[in-house]
Amino acid sequence: MRLNPFHIALLAASAAAVGPAWAAFNSQTFIPPGQTFLLGGGQPGAFRVQGRNIGTVPVTIRSELNGAISFVATIAPGQSVDTQFQKGQMAQFENTSKKETARVSLRLTQNVSGLAMRYTGPGAN
């Protein structure tokens, strides 16, 4: 079967709309003072986080799986992190500052489909 340009364009648009489960996602994330950015939890596969603290306050990263919380790292301003989270595991990015907003640049890869994202802490909705 020979595909004409219309079919090729339709297939390309469909693939782009759906995207593979292993696609990459880049984000510049702002975490308000005293809040925690939650990423994942309940997703169907593992995902990788490569991040850099581009703000002025440290960010503490923890993981949560089945109610057990583990320390991953604290990234000071200018430092980077590269870590893996398992199927169903949640990444927690905590801004311990009570006055300044934290900023992290994140690159998420591997199984990023279905990753939940939300904030917790004072003033979070």
N, C-alpha and C. Protein backbone atom coordinates (compact mmCIF):
# COMPACT_ATOMS: atom_id res chain seq x y z
N MET A 1 0.85 -1.18 0.00
CA MET A 1 0.00 0.00 0.00
C MET A 1 0.89 1.24 0.00
N ARG A 2 0.56 2.16 -0.85
CA ARG A 2 1.33 3.39 -0.95
C ARG A 2 0.56 4.51 -0.25
N LEU A 3 1.25 5.23 0.63
CA LEU A 3 0.61 6.33 1.36
C LEU A 3 0.81 7.64 0.61
N ASN A 4 -0.26 8.39 0.51
CA ASN A 4 -0.13 9.71 -0.10
C ASN A 4 0.22 10.73 0.98
N PRO A 5 0.58 11.95 0.61
CA PRO A 5 0.98 12.96 1.61
C PRO A 5 -0.07 13.21 2.69
N PHE A 6 -1.36 13.10 2.34
CA PHE A 6 -2.42 13.29 3.33
C PHE A 6 -2.32 12.23 4.43
N HIS A 7 -2.14 10.95 4.04
CA HIS A 7 -2.04 9.87 5.02
C HIS A 7 -0.80 10.04 5.89
N ILE A 8 0.30 10.44 5.29
CA ILE A 8 1.53 10.65 6.06
C ILE A 8 1.32 11.77 7.09
N ALA A 9 0.70 12.85 6.66
CA ALA A 9 0.43 13.97 7.58
C ALA A 9 -0.51 13.54 8.70
N LEU A 10 -1.52 12.74 8.37
CA LEU A 10 -2.47 12.26 9.36
C LEU A 10 -1.78 11.36 10.39
N LEU A 11 -0.92 10.45 9.92
CA LEU A 11 -0.19 9.58 10.83
C LEU A 11 0.75 10.38 11.74
N ALA A 12 1.44 11.35 11.17
CA ALA A 12 2.36 12.18 11.95
C ALA A 12 1.60 12.97 13.01
N ALA A 13 0.45 13.53 12.64
CA ALA A 13 -0.36 14.30 13.59
C ALA A 13 -0.88 13.39 14.70
N SER A 14 -1.31 12.18 14.35
CA SER A 14 -1.81 11.24 15.35
C SER A 14 -0.71 10.85 16.32
N ALA A 15 0.47 10.56 15.81
CA ALA A 15 1.60 10.18 16.67
C ALA A 15 1.99 11.33 17.59
N ALA A 16 1.98 12.54 17.07
CA ALA A 16 2.34 13.70 17.88
C ALA A 16 1.30 13.96 18.96
N ALA A 17 0.03 13.75 18.64
CA ALA A 17 -1.03 14.00 19.61
C ALA A 17 -1.01 12.99 20.75
N VAL A 18 -0.77 11.73 20.41
CA VAL A 18 -0.75 10.68 21.43
C VAL A 18 0.57 10.67 22.15
N GLY A 19 1.66 10.68 21.41
CA GLY A 19 3.00 10.68 21.99
C GLY A 19 3.33 9.35 22.63
N PRO A 20 4.58 8.96 22.56
CA PRO A 20 4.98 7.70 23.18
C PRO A 20 5.06 7.84 24.70
N ALA A 21 4.92 6.73 25.40
CA ALA A 21 4.97 6.74 26.86
C ALA A 21 6.34 7.17 27.36
N TRP A 22 7.35 7.05 26.54
CA TRP A 22 8.71 7.37 26.97
C TRP A 22 9.13 8.77 26.55
N ALA A 23 8.23 9.58 26.07
CA ALA A 23 8.56 10.93 25.60
C ALA A 23 9.15 11.77 26.73
N ALA A 24 9.87 12.80 26.36
CA ALA A 24 10.49 13.71 27.33
C ALA A 24 9.58 14.90 27.59
N PHE A 25 9.72 15.47 28.76
CA PHE A 25 8.94 16.63 29.15
C PHE A 25 9.88 17.58 29.89
N ASN A 26 9.92 18.83 29.47
CA ASN A 26 10.76 19.84 30.12
C ASN A 26 9.87 20.85 30.84
N SER A 27 10.31 21.26 32.02
CA SER A 27 9.51 22.20 32.79
C SER A 27 10.40 23.11 33.63
N GLN A 28 10.03 24.37 33.72
CA GLN A 28 10.62 25.27 34.70
C GLN A 28 9.55 25.43 35.76
N THR A 29 9.81 24.88 36.94
CA THR A 29 8.81 24.79 37.99
C THR A 29 9.11 25.75 39.13
N PHE A 30 8.09 26.49 39.53
CA PHE A 30 8.19 27.43 40.65
C PHE A 30 7.47 26.80 41.84
N ILE A 31 8.14 26.77 43.00
CA ILE A 31 7.55 26.20 44.21
C ILE A 31 7.44 27.31 45.25
N PRO A 32 6.22 27.72 45.58
CA PRO A 32 6.02 28.81 46.55
C PRO A 32 6.63 28.47 47.92
N PRO A 33 6.93 29.50 48.72
CA PRO A 33 7.50 29.28 50.05
C PRO A 33 6.68 28.30 50.88
N GLY A 34 7.36 27.33 51.49
CA GLY A 34 6.71 26.37 52.37
C GLY A 34 5.90 25.29 51.66
N GLN A 35 5.85 25.30 50.35
CA GLN A 35 5.07 24.30 49.63
C GLN A 35 5.95 23.20 49.05
N THR A 36 5.30 22.12 48.66
CA THR A 36 5.96 20.97 48.05
C THR A 36 5.28 20.66 46.73
N PHE A 37 6.08 20.48 45.68
CA PHE A 37 5.59 20.09 44.36
C PHE A 37 5.63 18.57 44.30
N LEU A 38 4.48 17.95 44.06
CA LEU A 38 4.37 16.49 43.98
C LEU A 38 4.27 16.06 42.53
N LEU A 39 5.06 15.06 42.17
CA LEU A 39 5.14 14.59 40.80
C LEU A 39 5.03 13.07 40.79
N GLY A 40 4.04 12.55 40.06
CA GLY A 40 3.88 11.11 39.95
C GLY A 40 3.03 10.54 41.06
N GLY A 41 3.16 9.22 41.22
CA GLY A 41 2.34 8.49 42.19
C GLY A 41 1.22 7.80 41.42
N GLY A 42 1.28 6.50 41.31
CA GLY A 42 0.25 5.77 40.59
C GLY A 42 0.49 5.62 39.10
N GLN A 43 1.61 6.13 38.57
CA GLN A 43 1.88 6.03 37.13
C GLN A 43 2.27 4.58 36.77
N PRO A 44 2.03 4.19 35.52
CA PRO A 44 2.22 2.80 35.11
C PRO A 44 3.66 2.35 34.92
N GLY A 45 4.62 3.25 34.99
CA GLY A 45 6.02 2.85 34.79
C GLY A 45 6.96 3.82 35.47
N ALA A 46 8.25 3.46 35.45
CA ALA A 46 9.29 4.30 36.06
C ALA A 46 9.51 5.56 35.23
N PHE A 47 10.00 6.61 35.89
CA PHE A 47 10.37 7.83 35.18
C PHE A 47 11.67 8.38 35.77
N ARG A 48 12.36 9.14 34.96
CA ARG A 48 13.65 9.72 35.35
C ARG A 48 13.51 11.24 35.44
N VAL A 49 14.15 11.82 36.46
CA VAL A 49 14.15 13.27 36.64
C VAL A 49 15.60 13.76 36.60
N GLN A 50 15.87 14.65 35.66
CA GLN A 50 17.13 15.37 35.63
C GLN A 50 16.76 16.81 35.93
N GLY A 51 17.30 17.35 37.00
CA GLY A 51 16.90 18.68 37.40
C GLY A 51 18.07 19.54 37.83
N ARG A 52 17.81 20.83 37.79
CA ARG A 52 18.80 21.82 38.23
C ARG A 52 18.07 22.89 39.03
N ASN A 53 18.64 23.24 40.17
CA ASN A 53 18.08 24.30 40.99
C ASN A 53 18.52 25.62 40.38
N ILE A 54 17.58 26.35 39.78
CA ILE A 54 17.90 27.62 39.13
C ILE A 54 17.43 28.81 39.99
N GLY A 55 17.07 28.52 41.23
CA GLY A 55 16.62 29.55 42.14
C GLY A 55 17.69 29.94 43.13
N THR A 56 17.25 30.55 44.23
CA THR A 56 18.17 31.06 45.24
C THR A 56 18.05 30.34 46.58
N VAL A 57 17.14 29.34 46.66
CA VAL A 57 16.97 28.59 47.92
C VAL A 57 17.11 27.09 47.64
N PRO A 58 17.57 26.30 48.63
CA PRO A 58 17.70 24.85 48.45
C PRO A 58 16.34 24.19 48.26
N VAL A 59 16.34 23.07 47.56
CA VAL A 59 15.14 22.26 47.35
C VAL A 59 15.45 20.84 47.81
N THR A 60 14.61 20.30 48.69
CA THR A 60 14.79 18.93 49.17
C THR A 60 13.89 18.00 48.37
N ILE A 61 14.47 16.90 47.91
CA ILE A 61 13.73 15.92 47.12
C ILE A 61 13.56 14.65 47.95
N ARG A 62 12.33 14.18 48.00
CA ARG A 62 12.01 12.92 48.67
C ARG A 62 11.21 12.06 47.71
N SER A 63 11.15 10.76 48.02
CA SER A 63 10.31 9.86 47.25
C SER A 63 9.31 9.20 48.19
N GLU A 64 8.14 8.90 47.64
CA GLU A 64 7.12 8.22 48.43
C GLU A 64 6.58 7.04 47.64
N LEU A 65 6.56 5.89 48.27
CA LEU A 65 6.00 4.69 47.65
C LEU A 65 5.29 3.88 48.74
N ASN A 66 4.02 3.64 48.54
CA ASN A 66 3.20 2.88 49.50
C ASN A 66 3.27 3.47 50.91
N GLY A 67 3.28 4.80 51.00
CA GLY A 67 3.28 5.48 52.29
C GLY A 67 4.65 5.66 52.93
N ALA A 68 5.67 4.99 52.40
CA ALA A 68 7.03 5.14 52.93
C ALA A 68 7.74 6.28 52.21
N ILE A 69 8.26 7.24 52.99
CA ILE A 69 8.94 8.41 52.43
C ILE A 69 10.44 8.27 52.66
N SER A 70 11.21 8.49 51.59
CA SER A 70 12.67 8.38 51.66
C SER A 70 13.32 9.66 51.15
N PHE A 71 14.42 10.05 51.79
CA PHE A 71 15.20 11.20 51.35
C PHE A 71 15.96 10.82 50.08
N VAL A 72 15.94 11.72 49.08
CA VAL A 72 16.69 11.52 47.84
C VAL A 72 17.90 12.45 47.80
N ALA A 73 17.68 13.74 47.95
CA ALA A 73 18.77 14.72 47.86
C ALA A 73 18.26 16.09 48.26
N THR A 74 19.19 16.96 48.61
CA THR A 74 18.91 18.38 48.73
C THR A 74 19.79 19.06 47.70
N ILE A 75 19.17 19.82 46.80
CA ILE A 75 19.95 20.50 45.76
C ILE A 75 20.02 21.99 46.08
N ALA A 76 21.24 22.43 46.29
CA ALA A 76 21.51 23.85 46.57
C ALA A 76 21.38 24.63 45.27
N PRO A 77 21.24 25.94 45.36
CA PRO A 77 21.19 26.75 44.14
C PRO A 77 22.40 26.45 43.24
N GLY A 78 22.09 26.21 41.96
CA GLY A 78 23.13 25.90 40.98
C GLY A 78 23.46 24.43 40.87
N GLN A 79 23.05 23.60 41.81
CA GLN A 79 23.34 22.16 41.76
C GLN A 79 22.32 21.42 40.91
N SER A 80 22.73 20.22 40.46
CA SER A 80 21.87 19.37 39.63
C SER A 80 21.63 18.03 40.30
N VAL A 81 20.62 17.33 39.80
CA VAL A 81 20.29 16.00 40.29
C VAL A 81 19.84 15.15 39.10
N ASP A 82 20.10 13.87 39.17
CA ASP A 82 19.67 12.91 38.15
C ASP A 82 19.24 11.66 38.91
N THR A 83 17.94 11.39 38.94
CA THR A 83 17.44 10.28 39.74
C THR A 83 16.26 9.59 39.06
N GLN A 84 16.02 8.37 39.45
CA GLN A 84 14.98 7.51 38.86
C GLN A 84 13.91 7.25 39.90
N PHE A 85 12.65 7.23 39.48
CA PHE A 85 11.54 6.89 40.35
C PHE A 85 10.81 5.68 39.76
N GLN A 86 10.43 4.76 40.63
CA GLN A 86 9.81 3.50 40.21
C GLN A 86 8.35 3.68 39.80
N LYS A 87 7.81 2.63 39.24
CA LYS A 87 6.38 2.57 38.93
C LYS A 87 5.60 2.89 40.21
N GLY A 88 4.68 3.86 40.12
CA GLY A 88 3.84 4.22 41.24
C GLY A 88 4.48 5.13 42.29
N GLN A 89 5.76 5.39 42.17
CA GLN A 89 6.47 6.21 43.16
C GLN A 89 6.24 7.70 42.89
N MET A 90 6.18 8.48 43.96
CA MET A 90 5.97 9.92 43.85
C MET A 90 7.26 10.66 44.20
N ALA A 91 7.59 11.68 43.41
CA ALA A 91 8.70 12.57 43.72
C ALA A 91 8.14 13.79 44.42
N GLN A 92 8.80 14.22 45.49
CA GLN A 92 8.38 15.39 46.24
C GLN A 92 9.52 16.41 46.22
N PHE A 93 9.24 17.61 45.74
CA PHE A 93 10.23 18.69 45.68
C PHE A 93 9.78 19.76 46.69
N GLU A 94 10.49 19.84 47.81
CA GLU A 94 10.06 20.71 48.91
C GLU A 94 10.89 21.99 48.97
N ASN A 95 10.18 23.10 49.04
CA ASN A 95 10.80 24.40 49.28
C ASN A 95 10.69 24.67 50.77
N THR A 96 11.80 24.57 51.48
CA THR A 96 11.77 24.76 52.94
C THR A 96 11.83 26.23 53.35
N SER A 97 12.08 27.11 52.39
CA SER A 97 12.10 28.54 52.68
C SER A 97 10.68 29.01 53.00
N LYS A 98 10.58 29.88 53.96
CA LYS A 98 9.27 30.45 54.32
C LYS A 98 9.04 31.79 53.63
N LYS A 99 10.08 32.30 52.91
CA LYS A 99 9.98 33.63 52.32
C LYS A 99 10.19 33.68 50.81
N GLU A 100 11.01 32.78 50.27
CA GLU A 100 11.37 32.86 48.85
C GLU A 100 10.82 31.70 48.04
N THR A 101 10.47 31.98 46.80
CA THR A 101 10.00 30.95 45.87
C THR A 101 11.21 30.18 45.33
N ALA A 102 11.09 28.87 45.29
CA ALA A 102 12.14 28.01 44.72
C ALA A 102 11.87 27.84 43.23
N ARG A 103 12.94 27.67 42.45
CA ARG A 103 12.80 27.46 41.01
C ARG A 103 13.70 26.30 40.60
N VAL A 104 13.11 25.32 39.91
CA VAL A 104 13.87 24.19 39.40
C VAL A 104 13.56 23.98 37.92
N SER A 105 14.57 23.63 37.18
CA SER A 105 14.41 23.26 35.78
C SER A 105 14.43 21.74 35.74
N LEU A 106 13.37 21.13 35.22
CA LEU A 106 13.23 19.68 35.23
C LEU A 106 13.14 19.12 33.82
N ARG A 107 13.80 18.00 33.60
CA ARG A 107 13.64 17.22 32.37
C ARG A 107 13.19 15.84 32.82
N LEU A 108 11.98 15.47 32.41
CA LEU A 108 11.40 14.18 32.77
C LEU A 108 11.44 13.28 31.56
N THR A 109 11.95 12.07 31.75
CA THR A 109 12.04 11.13 30.63
C THR A 109 11.57 9.75 31.07
N GLN A 110 11.54 8.85 30.14
CA GLN A 110 11.07 7.48 30.24
C GLN A 110 9.55 7.48 30.24
N ASN A 111 8.91 6.89 31.20
CA ASN A 111 7.45 6.78 31.17
C ASN A 111 6.81 8.00 31.83
N VAL A 112 6.63 9.07 31.06
CA VAL A 112 6.08 10.30 31.63
C VAL A 112 4.57 10.44 31.41
N SER A 113 3.97 9.50 30.68
CA SER A 113 2.52 9.58 30.49
C SER A 113 1.82 9.26 31.80
N GLY A 114 0.83 10.01 32.12
CA GLY A 114 0.05 9.75 33.31
C GLY A 114 0.67 10.26 34.60
N LEU A 115 1.70 11.13 34.52
CA LEU A 115 2.29 11.68 35.74
C LEU A 115 1.38 12.76 36.32
N ALA A 116 0.96 12.57 37.54
CA ALA A 116 0.16 13.58 38.23
C ALA A 116 1.09 14.67 38.75
N MET A 117 0.58 15.90 38.80
CA MET A 117 1.36 17.03 39.31
C MET A 117 0.44 17.90 40.16
N ARG A 118 0.93 18.25 41.36
CA ARG A 118 0.16 19.14 42.23
C ARG A 118 1.06 19.70 43.31
N TYR A 119 0.54 20.66 44.07
CA TYR A 119 1.27 21.28 45.17
C TYR A 119 0.56 20.97 46.49
N THR A 120 1.34 20.89 47.57
CA THR A 120 0.77 20.78 48.91
C THR A 120 1.47 21.80 49.80
N GLY A 121 0.85 22.12 50.90
CA GLY A 121 1.44 23.07 51.84
C GLY A 121 0.59 24.31 51.96
N PRO A 122 1.05 25.28 52.73
CA PRO A 122 0.28 26.50 52.98
C PRO A 122 -0.09 27.23 51.68
N GLY A 123 -1.38 27.45 51.50
CA GLY A 123 -1.87 28.20 50.33
C GLY A 123 -2.05 27.38 49.06
N ALA A 124 -1.69 26.10 49.09
CA ALA A 124 -1.84 25.26 47.88
C ALA A 124 -3.31 24.93 47.66
N ASN A 125 -3.69 24.84 46.41
CA ASN A 125 -5.09 24.49 46.08
C ASN A 125 -5.20 23.04 45.74
